[in-house]
Amino acid sequence: IRWYDFLDFILEGRASDFVRLYRVPGMPHGQGGPSADQFDMLQPLI
């Protein structure tokens, strides 16, 4: 988050033009935990 915040600050709020960050509640290091951990990030990137 700190990395993204700084990038967004340097780019005057335009970081989302080419970088998007998504947080997953409850998810640990990879799938698992009390989380919604099944999702497709690849197709939207394509």
All heavy atoms as atom14 arrays in JSON, in Angstrom:
{
  "sequence": "IRWYDFLDFILEGRASDFVRLYRVPGMPHGQGGPSADQFDMLQPLI",
  "atom14_mask": [
    [1, 1, 1, 1, 1, 1, 1, 1, 0, 0, 0, 0, 0, 0],
    [1, 1, 1, 1, 1, 1, 1, 1, 1, 1, 1, 0, 0, 0],
    [1, 1, 1, 1, 1, 1, 1, 1, 1, 1, 1, 1, 1, 1],
    [1, 1, 1, 1, 1, 1, 1, 1, 1, 1, 1, 1, 0, 0],
    [1, 1, 1, 1, 1, 1, 1, 1, 0, 0, 0, 0, 0, 0],
    [1, 1, 1, 1, 1, 1, 1, 1, 1, 1, 1, 0, 0, 0],
    [1, 1, 1, 1, 1, 1, 1, 1, 0, 0, 0, 0, 0, 0],
    [1, 1, 1, 1, 1, 1, 1, 1, 0, 0, 0, 0, 0, 0],
    [1, 1, 1, 1, 1, 1, 1, 1, 1, 1, 1, 0, 0, 0],
    [1, 1, 1, 1, 1, 1, 1, 1, 0, 0, 0, 0, 0, 0],
    [1, 1, 1, 1, 1, 1, 1, 1, 0, 0, 0, 0, 0, 0],
    [1, 1, 1, 1, 1, 1, 1, 1, 1, 0, 0, 0, 0, 0],
    [1, 1, 1, 1, 0, 0, 0, 0, 0, 0, 0, 0, 0, 0],
    [1, 1, 1, 1, 1, 1, 1, 1, 1, 1, 1, 0, 0, 0],
    [1, 1, 1, 1, 1, 0, 0, 0, 0, 0, 0, 0, 0, 0],
    [1, 1, 1, 1, 1, 1, 0, 0, 0, 0, 0, 0, 0, 0],
    [1, 1, 1, 1, 1, 1, 1, 1, 0, 0, 0, 0, 0, 0],
    [1, 1, 1, 1, 1, 1, 1, 1, 1, 1, 1, 0, 0, 0],
    [1, 1, 1, 1, 1, 1, 1, 0, 0, 0, 0, 0, 0, 0],
    [1, 1, 1, 1, 1, 1, 1, 1, 1, 1, 1, 0, 0, 0],
    [1, 1, 1, 1, 1, 1, 1, 1, 0, 0, 0, 0, 0, 0],
    [1, 1, 1, 1, 1, 1, 1, 1, 1, 1, 1, 1, 0, 0],
    [1, 1, 1, 1, 1, 1, 1, 1, 1, 1, 1, 0, 0, 0],
    [1, 1, 1, 1, 1, 1, 1, 0, 0, 0, 0, 0, 0, 0],
    [1, 1, 1, 1, 1, 1, 1, 0, 0, 0, 0, 0, 0, 0],
    [1, 1, 1, 1, 0, 0, 0, 0, 0, 0, 0, 0, 0, 0],
    [1, 1, 1, 1, 1, 1, 1, 1, 0, 0, 0, 0, 0, 0],
    [1, 1, 1, 1, 1, 1, 1, 0, 0, 0, 0, 0, 0, 0],
    [1, 1, 1, 1, 1, 1, 1, 1, 1, 1, 0, 0, 0, 0],
    [1, 1, 1, 1, 0, 0, 0, 0, 0, 0, 0, 0, 0, 0],
    [1, 1, 1, 1, 1, 1, 1, 1, 1, 0, 0, 0, 0, 0],
    [1, 1, 1, 1, 0, 0, 0, 0, 0, 0, 0, 0, 0, 0],
    [1, 1, 1, 1, 0, 0, 0, 0, 0, 0, 0, 0, 0, 0],
    [1, 1, 1, 1, 1, 1, 1, 0, 0, 0, 0, 0, 0, 0],
    [1, 1, 1, 1, 1, 1, 0, 0, 0, 0, 0, 0, 0, 0],
    [1, 1, 1, 1, 1, 0, 0, 0, 0, 0, 0, 0, 0, 0],
    [1, 1, 1, 1, 1, 1, 1, 1, 0, 0, 0, 0, 0, 0],
    [1, 1, 1, 1, 1, 1, 1, 1, 1, 0, 0, 0, 0, 0],
    [1, 1, 1, 1, 1, 1, 1, 1, 1, 1, 1, 0, 0, 0],
    [1, 1, 1, 1, 1, 1, 1, 1, 0, 0, 0, 0, 0, 0],
    [1, 1, 1, 1, 1, 1, 1, 1, 0, 0, 0, 0, 0, 0],
    [1, 1, 1, 1, 1, 1, 1, 1, 0, 0, 0, 0, 0, 0],
    [1, 1, 1, 1, 1, 1, 1, 1, 1, 0, 0, 0, 0, 0],
    [1, 1, 1, 1, 1, 1, 1, 0, 0, 0, 0, 0, 0, 0],
    [1, 1, 1, 1, 1, 1, 1, 1, 0, 0, 0, 0, 0, 0],
    [1, 1, 1, 1, 1, 1, 1, 1, 0, 0, 0, 0, 0, 0]
  ],
  "atom14_positions": [
    [[0.84, -1.2, 0.0], [0.0, 0.0, 0.0], [0.88, 1.26, 0.0], [0.62, 2.21, -0.73], [-0.94, 0.0, 1.22], [-2.0, -1.1, 1.08], [-1.61, 1.36, 1.4], [-2.78, -1.37, 2.35], [0.0, 0.0, 0.0], [0.0, 0.0, 0.0], [0.0, 0.0, 0.0], [0.0, 0.0, 0.0], [0.0, 0.0, 0.0], [0.0, 0.0, 0.0]],
    [[1.91, 1.26, 0.83], [2.81, 2.42, 0.88], [3.46, 2.65, -0.48], [3.56, 3.79, -0.95], [3.91, 2.19, 1.95], [4.85, 3.39, 2.12], [6.25, 2.97, 2.5], [6.86, 2.08, 1.53], [7.38, 2.48, 0.37], [7.35, 3.75, 0.01], [7.91, 1.59, -0.47], [0.0, 0.0, 0.0], [0.0, 0.0, 0.0], [0.0, 0.0, 0.0]],
    [[3.88, 1.57, -1.13], [4.48, 1.66, -2.46], [3.5, 2.31, -3.45], [3.85, 3.23, -4.19], [4.88, 0.26, -2.93], [5.46, 0.19, -4.3], [6.78, 0.3, -4.65], [4.74, 0.0, -5.54], [6.93, 0.19, -6.02], [5.7, 0.01, -6.58], [3.4, -0.17, -5.85], [5.34, -0.16, -7.93], [3.03, -0.33, -7.2], [4.0, -0.33, -8.21]],
    [[2.26, 1.82, -3.43], [1.26, 2.36, -4.36], [0.94, 3.82, -4.03], [0.82, 4.66, -4.94], [-0.02, 1.52, -4.32], [-1.05, 2.0, -5.31], [-1.06, 1.52, -6.62], [-1.99, 2.97, -4.96], [-1.99, 1.97, -7.54], [-2.92, 3.44, -5.88], [-2.91, 2.95, -7.16], [-3.83, 3.42, -8.08], [0.0, 0.0, 0.0], [0.0, 0.0, 0.0]],
    [[0.8, 4.14, -2.74], [0.49, 5.51, -2.34], [1.56, 6.49, -2.83], [1.25, 7.6, -3.28], [0.37, 5.61, -0.81], [-0.96, 5.08, -0.29], [-1.9, 4.93, -1.09], [-1.05, 4.81, 0.92], [0.0, 0.0, 0.0], [0.0, 0.0, 0.0], [0.0, 0.0, 0.0], [0.0, 0.0, 0.0], [0.0, 0.0, 0.0], [0.0, 0.0, 0.0]],
    [[2.83, 6.07, -2.73], [3.91, 6.97, -3.17], [3.86, 7.14, -4.69], [4.0, 8.25, -5.21], [5.28, 6.46, -2.74], [6.37, 7.48, -2.92], [6.73, 8.33, -1.88], [7.0, 7.65, -4.15], [7.7, 9.31, -2.06], [7.97, 8.62, -4.34], [8.33, 9.45, -3.29], [0.0, 0.0, 0.0], [0.0, 0.0, 0.0], [0.0, 0.0, 0.0]],
    [[3.64, 6.03, -5.4], [3.54, 6.11, -6.86], [2.4, 7.05, -7.26], [2.56, 7.89, -8.16], [3.3, 4.71, -7.44], [3.15, 4.61, -8.97], [4.46, 4.96, -9.66], [2.68, 3.23, -9.38], [0.0, 0.0, 0.0], [0.0, 0.0, 0.0], [0.0, 0.0, 0.0], [0.0, 0.0, 0.0], [0.0, 0.0, 0.0], [0.0, 0.0, 0.0]],
    [[1.28, 6.93, -6.59], [0.12, 7.76, -6.9], [0.41, 9.24, -6.58], [-0.02, 10.14, -7.3], [-1.09, 7.26, -6.11], [-2.41, 7.78, -6.67], [-2.59, 7.71, -7.91], [-3.24, 8.27, -5.89], [0.0, 0.0, 0.0], [0.0, 0.0, 0.0], [0.0, 0.0, 0.0], [0.0, 0.0, 0.0], [0.0, 0.0, 0.0], [0.0, 0.0, 0.0]],
    [[1.16, 9.47, -5.5], [1.52, 10.83, -5.12], [2.43, 11.46, -6.18], [2.2, 12.59, -6.63], [2.23, 10.81, -3.76], [2.83, 12.14, -3.35], [2.04, 13.17, -2.9], [4.21, 12.34, -3.45], [2.59, 14.4, -2.54], [4.77, 13.55, -3.08], [3.96, 14.59, -2.63], [0.0, 0.0, 0.0], [0.0, 0.0, 0.0], [0.0, 0.0, 0.0]],
    [[3.45, 10.71, -6.61], [4.39, 11.21, -7.62], [3.67, 11.5, -8.94], [3.99, 12.46, -9.65], [5.52, 10.18, -7.84], [6.46, 10.16, -6.64], [6.29, 10.46, -9.12], [7.27, 11.43, -6.45], [0.0, 0.0, 0.0], [0.0, 0.0, 0.0], [0.0, 0.0, 0.0], [0.0, 0.0, 0.0], [0.0, 0.0, 0.0], [0.0, 0.0, 0.0]],
    [[2.69, 10.65, -9.26], [1.96, 10.81, -10.52], [0.71, 11.66, -10.38], [-0.16, 11.65, -11.26], [1.6, 9.43, -11.09], [2.8, 8.53, -11.44], [2.33, 7.18, -11.94], [3.69, 9.18, -12.49], [0.0, 0.0, 0.0], [0.0, 0.0, 0.0], [0.0, 0.0, 0.0], [0.0, 0.0, 0.0], [0.0, 0.0, 0.0], [0.0, 0.0, 0.0]],
    [[0.61, 12.36, -9.25], [-0.48, 13.31, -9.01], [-1.86, 12.66, -9.19], [-2.74, 13.19, -9.86], [-0.33, 14.53, -9.94], [0.97, 15.28, -9.71], [1.15, 16.45, -10.67], [0.43, 16.5, -11.69], [2.01, 17.3, -10.38], [0.0, 0.0, 0.0], [0.0, 0.0, 0.0], [0.0, 0.0, 0.0], [0.0, 0.0, 0.0], [0.0, 0.0, 0.0]],
    [[-1.99, 11.47, -8.57], [-3.28, 10.79, -8.57], [-3.59, 9.99, -9.82], [-4.73, 9.55, -10.0], [0.0, 0.0, 0.0], [0.0, 0.0, 0.0], [0.0, 0.0, 0.0], [0.0, 0.0, 0.0], [0.0, 0.0, 0.0], [0.0, 0.0, 0.0], [0.0, 0.0, 0.0], [0.0, 0.0, 0.0], [0.0, 0.0, 0.0], [0.0, 0.0, 0.0]],
    [[-2.58, 9.76, -10.68], [-2.83, 9.06, -11.94], [-2.23, 7.65, -11.97], [-2.11, 7.06, -13.05], [-2.26, 9.87, -13.12], [-2.83, 11.28, -13.25], [-4.33, 11.27, -13.54], [-4.65, 10.58, -14.78], [-4.64, 11.17, -15.99], [-4.33, 12.45, -16.1], [-4.95, 10.48, -17.07], [0.0, 0.0, 0.0], [0.0, 0.0, 0.0], [0.0, 0.0, 0.0]],
    [[-1.82, 7.11, -10.83], [-1.22, 5.77, -10.82], [-2.16, 4.73, -11.4], [-1.74, 3.79, -12.08], [-0.81, 5.38, -9.41], [0.0, 0.0, 0.0], [0.0, 0.0, 0.0], [0.0, 0.0, 0.0], [0.0, 0.0, 0.0], [0.0, 0.0, 0.0], [0.0, 0.0, 0.0], [0.0, 0.0, 0.0], [0.0, 0.0, 0.0], [0.0, 0.0, 0.0]],
    [[-3.47, 4.92, -11.18], [-4.44, 3.92, -11.63], [-4.56, 3.88, -13.15], [-5.23, 2.99, -13.69], [-5.81, 4.19, -11.01], [-6.32, 5.45, -11.43], [0.0, 0.0, 0.0], [0.0, 0.0, 0.0], [0.0, 0.0, 0.0], [0.0, 0.0, 0.0], [0.0, 0.0, 0.0], [0.0, 0.0, 0.0], [0.0, 0.0, 0.0], [0.0, 0.0, 0.0]],
    [[-3.92, 4.82, -13.85], [-3.92, 4.77, -15.31], [-3.23, 3.51, -15.83], [-3.54, 3.04, -16.93], [-3.19, 6.0, -15.89], [-4.0, 7.27, -15.76], [-5.16, 7.19, -15.31], [-3.47, 8.35, -16.08], [0.0, 0.0, 0.0], [0.0, 0.0, 0.0], [0.0, 0.0, 0.0], [0.0, 0.0, 0.0], [0.0, 0.0, 0.0], [0.0, 0.0, 0.0]],
    [[-2.28, 2.98, -15.03], [-1.57, 1.79, -15.51], [-1.24, 0.79, -14.4], [-0.69, -0.27, -14.67], [-0.29, 2.19, -16.25], [0.8, 2.78, -15.39], [1.97, 2.08, -15.14], [0.65, 4.04, -14.83], [2.98, 2.61, -14.36], [1.66, 4.6, -14.04], [2.83, 3.88, -13.8], [0.0, 0.0, 0.0], [0.0, 0.0, 0.0], [0.0, 0.0, 0.0]],
    [[-1.6, 1.09, -13.15], [-1.39, 0.15, -12.04], [-2.66, 0.09, -11.2], [-3.21, 1.13, -10.84], [-0.21, 0.58, -11.14], [-0.04, -0.42, -9.99], [1.08, 0.7, -11.94], [0.0, 0.0, 0.0], [0.0, 0.0, 0.0], [0.0, 0.0, 0.0], [0.0, 0.0, 0.0], [0.0, 0.0, 0.0], [0.0, 0.0, 0.0], [0.0, 0.0, 0.0]],
    [[-3.12, -1.12, -10.89], [-4.28, -1.3, -9.99], [-3.88, -2.27, -8.88], [-3.25, -3.3, -9.14], [-5.49, -1.86, -10.74], [-6.0, -0.96, -11.88], [-6.86, 0.18, -11.39], [-7.08, 1.19, -12.42], [-8.2, 1.33, -13.13], [-9.22, 0.5, -12.93], [-8.31, 2.3, -14.01], [0.0, 0.0, 0.0], [0.0, 0.0, 0.0], [0.0, 0.0, 0.0]],
    [[-4.26, -1.91, -7.64], [-3.98, -2.74, -6.47], [-5.28, -3.23, -5.87], [-6.21, -2.44, -5.65], [-3.19, -1.92, -5.43], [-3.06, -2.52, -4.02], [-2.34, -3.86, -4.05], [-2.34, -1.54, -3.09], [0.0, 0.0, 0.0], [0.0, 0.0, 0.0], [0.0, 0.0, 0.0], [0.0, 0.0, 0.0], [0.0, 0.0, 0.0], [0.0, 0.0, 0.0]],
    [[-5.35, -4.54, -5.59], [-6.54, -5.15, -5.0], [-6.16, -5.85, -3.7], [-5.22, -6.65, -3.68], [-7.17, -6.15, -5.97], [-7.64, -5.53, -7.26], [-6.77, -5.35, -8.33], [-8.96, -5.09, -7.4], [-7.2, -4.76, -9.51], [-9.4, -4.5, -8.57], [-8.51, -4.33, -9.63], [-8.94, -3.73, -10.79], [0.0, 0.0, 0.0], [0.0, 0.0, 0.0]],
    [[-6.9, -5.56, -2.65], [-6.66, -6.21, -1.35], [-7.69, -7.31, -1.14], [-8.86, -7.16, -1.51], [-6.74, -5.18, -0.23], [-5.73, -4.07, -0.38], [-6.0, -2.89, 0.54], [-5.88, -3.26, 1.94], [-6.0, -2.39, 2.94], [-6.25, -1.11, 2.7], [-5.87, -2.79, 4.2], [0.0, 0.0, 0.0], [0.0, 0.0, 0.0], [0.0, 0.0, 0.0]],
    [[-7.26, -8.41, -0.52], [-8.15, -9.55, -0.31], [-8.31, -9.8, 1.19], [-7.41, -10.33, 1.85], [-7.62, -10.83, -1.0], [-8.67, -11.94, -0.93], [-7.21, -10.55, -2.43], [0.0, 0.0, 0.0], [0.0, 0.0, 0.0], [0.0, 0.0, 0.0], [0.0, 0.0, 0.0], [0.0, 0.0, 0.0], [0.0, 0.0, 0.0], [0.0, 0.0, 0.0]],
    [[-9.44, -9.41, 1.78], [-9.65, -9.6, 3.22], [-9.59, -11.07, 3.62], [-10.1, -11.94, 2.92], [-11.07, -9.05, 3.44], [-11.28, -8.09, 2.31], [-10.55, -8.68, 1.14], [0.0, 0.0, 0.0], [0.0, 0.0, 0.0], [0.0, 0.0, 0.0], [0.0, 0.0, 0.0], [0.0, 0.0, 0.0], [0.0, 0.0, 0.0], [0.0, 0.0, 0.0]],
    [[-8.92, -11.33, 4.73], [-8.87, -12.68, 5.29], [-7.89, -13.61, 4.63], [-7.64, -14.71, 5.14], [0.0, 0.0, 0.0], [0.0, 0.0, 0.0], [0.0, 0.0, 0.0], [0.0, 0.0, 0.0], [0.0, 0.0, 0.0], [0.0, 0.0, 0.0], [0.0, 0.0, 0.0], [0.0, 0.0, 0.0], [0.0, 0.0, 0.0], [0.0, 0.0, 0.0]],
    [[-7.32, -13.23, 3.48], [-6.43, -14.15, 2.75], [-5.01, -14.01, 3.27], [-4.47, -12.91, 3.34], [-6.46, -13.88, 1.25], [-5.76, -14.97, 0.44], [-5.89, -14.76, -1.36], [-4.54, -13.61, -1.66], [0.0, 0.0, 0.0], [0.0, 0.0, 0.0], [0.0, 0.0, 0.0], [0.0, 0.0, 0.0], [0.0, 0.0, 0.0], [0.0, 0.0, 0.0]],
    [[-4.37, -15.15, 3.62], [-2.98, -15.13, 4.08], [-2.01, -15.13, 2.9], [-2.23, -14.41, 1.91], [-2.88, -16.4, 4.93], [-3.89, -17.34, 4.31], [-4.97, -16.49, 3.74], [0.0, 0.0, 0.0], [0.0, 0.0, 0.0], [0.0, 0.0, 0.0], [0.0, 0.0, 0.0], [0.0, 0.0, 0.0], [0.0, 0.0, 0.0], [0.0, 0.0, 0.0]],
    [[-0.94, -15.93, 2.97], [0.08, -15.96, 1.91], [-0.35, -16.97, 0.86], [0.07, -18.13, 0.86], [1.44, -16.33, 2.51], [2.6, -16.01, 1.63], [2.93, -14.73, 1.25], [3.53, -16.8, 1.04], [4.0, -14.75, 0.48], [4.38, -16.0, 0.33], [0.0, 0.0, 0.0], [0.0, 0.0, 0.0], [0.0, 0.0, 0.0], [0.0, 0.0, 0.0]],
    [[-1.19, -16.54, -0.08], [-1.79, -17.44, -1.04], [-3.2, -17.8, -0.6], [-3.76, -17.23, 0.34], [0.0, 0.0, 0.0], [0.0, 0.0, 0.0], [0.0, 0.0, 0.0], [0.0, 0.0, 0.0], [0.0, 0.0, 0.0], [0.0, 0.0, 0.0], [0.0, 0.0, 0.0], [0.0, 0.0, 0.0], [0.0, 0.0, 0.0], [0.0, 0.0, 0.0]],
    [[-3.8, -18.76, -1.32], [-5.18, -19.13, -1.02], [-5.32, -19.7, 0.38], [-4.41, -20.31, 0.92], [-5.69, -20.15, -2.05], [-6.12, -19.51, -3.37], [-6.81, -20.5, -4.29], [-6.3, -21.59, -4.5], [-7.95, -20.13, -4.84], [0.0, 0.0, 0.0], [0.0, 0.0, 0.0], [0.0, 0.0, 0.0], [0.0, 0.0, 0.0], [0.0, 0.0, 0.0]],
    [[-6.5, -19.52, 0.95], [-6.78, -20.04, 2.29], [-7.33, -18.96, 3.18], [-7.62, -17.84, 2.75], [0.0, 0.0, 0.0], [0.0, 0.0, 0.0], [0.0, 0.0, 0.0], [0.0, 0.0, 0.0], [0.0, 0.0, 0.0], [0.0, 0.0, 0.0], [0.0, 0.0, 0.0], [0.0, 0.0, 0.0], [0.0, 0.0, 0.0], [0.0, 0.0, 0.0]],
    [[-7.5, -19.33, 4.46], [-8.05, -18.38, 5.41], [-9.52, -18.13, 5.17], [-10.12, -18.62, 4.21], [0.0, 0.0, 0.0], [0.0, 0.0, 0.0], [0.0, 0.0, 0.0], [0.0, 0.0, 0.0], [0.0, 0.0, 0.0], [0.0, 0.0, 0.0], [0.0, 0.0, 0.0], [0.0, 0.0, 0.0], [0.0, 0.0, 0.0], [0.0, 0.0, 0.0]],
    [[-10.15, -17.35, 6.05], [-11.57, -17.01, 5.89], [-11.73, -15.93, 4.83], [-11.98, -14.76, 5.13], [-11.97, -16.51, 7.29], [-10.69, -15.94, 7.84], [-9.57, -16.76, 7.28], [0.0, 0.0, 0.0], [0.0, 0.0, 0.0], [0.0, 0.0, 0.0], [0.0, 0.0, 0.0], [0.0, 0.0, 0.0], [0.0, 0.0, 0.0], [0.0, 0.0, 0.0]],
    [[-11.57, -16.32, 3.56], [-11.52, -15.33, 2.49], [-12.25, -15.79, 1.24], [-12.48, -16.99, 1.05], [-10.05, -15.05, 2.13], [-9.45, -16.19, 1.53], [0.0, 0.0, 0.0], [0.0, 0.0, 0.0], [0.0, 0.0, 0.0], [0.0, 0.0, 0.0], [0.0, 0.0, 0.0], [0.0, 0.0, 0.0], [0.0, 0.0, 0.0], [0.0, 0.0, 0.0]],
    [[-12.58, -14.82, 0.39], [-13.07, -15.11, -0.96], [-11.83, -15.14, -1.85], [-11.39, -14.11, -2.36], [-14.05, -14.04, -1.4], [0.0, 0.0, 0.0], [0.0, 0.0, 0.0], [0.0, 0.0, 0.0], [0.0, 0.0, 0.0], [0.0, 0.0, 0.0], [0.0, 0.0, 0.0], [0.0, 0.0, 0.0], [0.0, 0.0, 0.0], [0.0, 0.0, 0.0]],
    [[-11.26, -16.32, -2.02], [-9.93, -16.43, -2.61], [-9.92, -17.09, -4.0], [-8.88, -17.52, -4.47], [-8.99, -17.2, -1.68], [-9.47, -18.62, -1.38], [-10.52, -19.02, -1.9], [-8.78, -19.33, -0.62], [0.0, 0.0, 0.0], [0.0, 0.0, 0.0], [0.0, 0.0, 0.0], [0.0, 0.0, 0.0], [0.0, 0.0, 0.0], [0.0, 0.0, 0.0]],
    [[-11.08, -17.14, -4.63], [-11.14, -17.65, -6.0], [-11.51, -16.49, -6.92], [-12.61, -15.95, -6.84], [-12.17, -18.78, -6.12], [-12.2, -19.42, -7.5], [-13.12, -20.64, -7.51], [-12.89, -21.62, -6.84], [-14.2, -20.54, -8.29], [0.0, 0.0, 0.0], [0.0, 0.0, 0.0], [0.0, 0.0, 0.0], [0.0, 0.0, 0.0], [0.0, 0.0, 0.0]],
    [[-10.59, -16.09, -7.78], [-10.81, -14.93, -8.63], [-9.86, -15.0, -9.83], [-8.81, -15.63, -9.77], [-10.59, -13.62, -7.87], [-9.34, -13.61, -7.04], [-8.09, -13.34, -7.6], [-9.4, -13.88, -5.67], [-6.94, -13.34, -6.82], [-8.25, -13.88, -4.89], [-7.01, -13.62, -5.46], [0.0, 0.0, 0.0], [0.0, 0.0, 0.0], [0.0, 0.0, 0.0]],
    [[-10.25, -14.35, -10.9], [-9.45, -14.34, -12.13], [-8.91, -12.93, -12.35], [-9.65, -12.03, -12.76], [-10.31, -14.78, -13.31], [-9.53, -14.81, -14.63], [-8.33, -14.48, -14.63], [-10.14, -15.15, -15.66], [0.0, 0.0, 0.0], [0.0, 0.0, 0.0], [0.0, 0.0, 0.0], [0.0, 0.0, 0.0], [0.0, 0.0, 0.0], [0.0, 0.0, 0.0]],
    [[-7.64, -12.73, -12.07], [-6.99, -11.44, -12.34], [-6.33, -11.42, -13.72], [-6.01, -10.35, -14.23], [-5.91, -11.16, -11.28], [-6.43, -10.92, -9.89], [-6.87, -9.2, -9.61], [-7.49, -9.31, -7.9], [0.0, 0.0, 0.0], [0.0, 0.0, 0.0], [0.0, 0.0, 0.0], [0.0, 0.0, 0.0], [0.0, 0.0, 0.0], [0.0, 0.0, 0.0]],
    [[-6.13, -12.6, -14.32], [-5.4, -12.65, -15.58], [-6.22, -12.13, -16.76], [-5.72, -11.34, -17.57], [-4.93, -14.09, -15.86], [-4.13, -14.3, -17.15], [-2.92, -13.37, -17.23], [-3.69, -15.76, -17.25], [0.0, 0.0, 0.0], [0.0, 0.0, 0.0], [0.0, 0.0, 0.0], [0.0, 0.0, 0.0], [0.0, 0.0, 0.0], [0.0, 0.0, 0.0]],
    [[-7.48, -12.56, -16.86], [-8.3, -12.12, -17.99], [-8.49, -10.6, -18.01], [-8.37, -9.98, -19.08], [-9.66, -12.83, -17.97], [-10.49, -12.62, -19.23], [-9.75, -13.04, -20.5], [-9.3, -14.16, -20.61], [-9.63, -12.14, -21.46], [0.0, 0.0, 0.0], [0.0, 0.0, 0.0], [0.0, 0.0, 0.0], [0.0, 0.0, 0.0], [0.0, 0.0, 0.0]],
    [[-8.75, -9.96, -16.88], [-8.84, -8.49, -16.9], [-7.53, -7.82, -17.32], [-7.56, -6.78, -17.98], [-9.2, -8.14, -15.45], [-9.86, -9.36, -14.91], [-9.17, -10.51, -15.57], [0.0, 0.0, 0.0], [0.0, 0.0, 0.0], [0.0, 0.0, 0.0], [0.0, 0.0, 0.0], [0.0, 0.0, 0.0], [0.0, 0.0, 0.0], [0.0, 0.0, 0.0]],
    [[-6.39, -8.42, -16.94], [-5.11, -7.86, -17.36], [-4.95, -7.98, -18.88], [-4.49, -7.03, -19.54], [-3.95, -8.58, -16.65], [-2.53, -8.11, -17.03], [-2.33, -6.64, -16.66], [-1.47, -8.99, -16.38], [0.0, 0.0, 0.0], [0.0, 0.0, 0.0], [0.0, 0.0, 0.0], [0.0, 0.0, 0.0], [0.0, 0.0, 0.0], [0.0, 0.0, 0.0]],
    [[-5.35, -9.12, -19.43], [-5.3, -9.31, -20.89], [-6.15, -8.25, -21.59], [-5.72, -7.62, -22.57], [-5.77, -10.73, -21.26], [-4.8, -11.79, -20.75], [-5.93, -10.86, -22.78], [-5.31, -13.22, -20.88], [0.0, 0.0, 0.0], [0.0, 0.0, 0.0], [0.0, 0.0, 0.0], [0.0, 0.0, 0.0], [0.0, 0.0, 0.0], [0.0, 0.0, 0.0]]
  ]
}
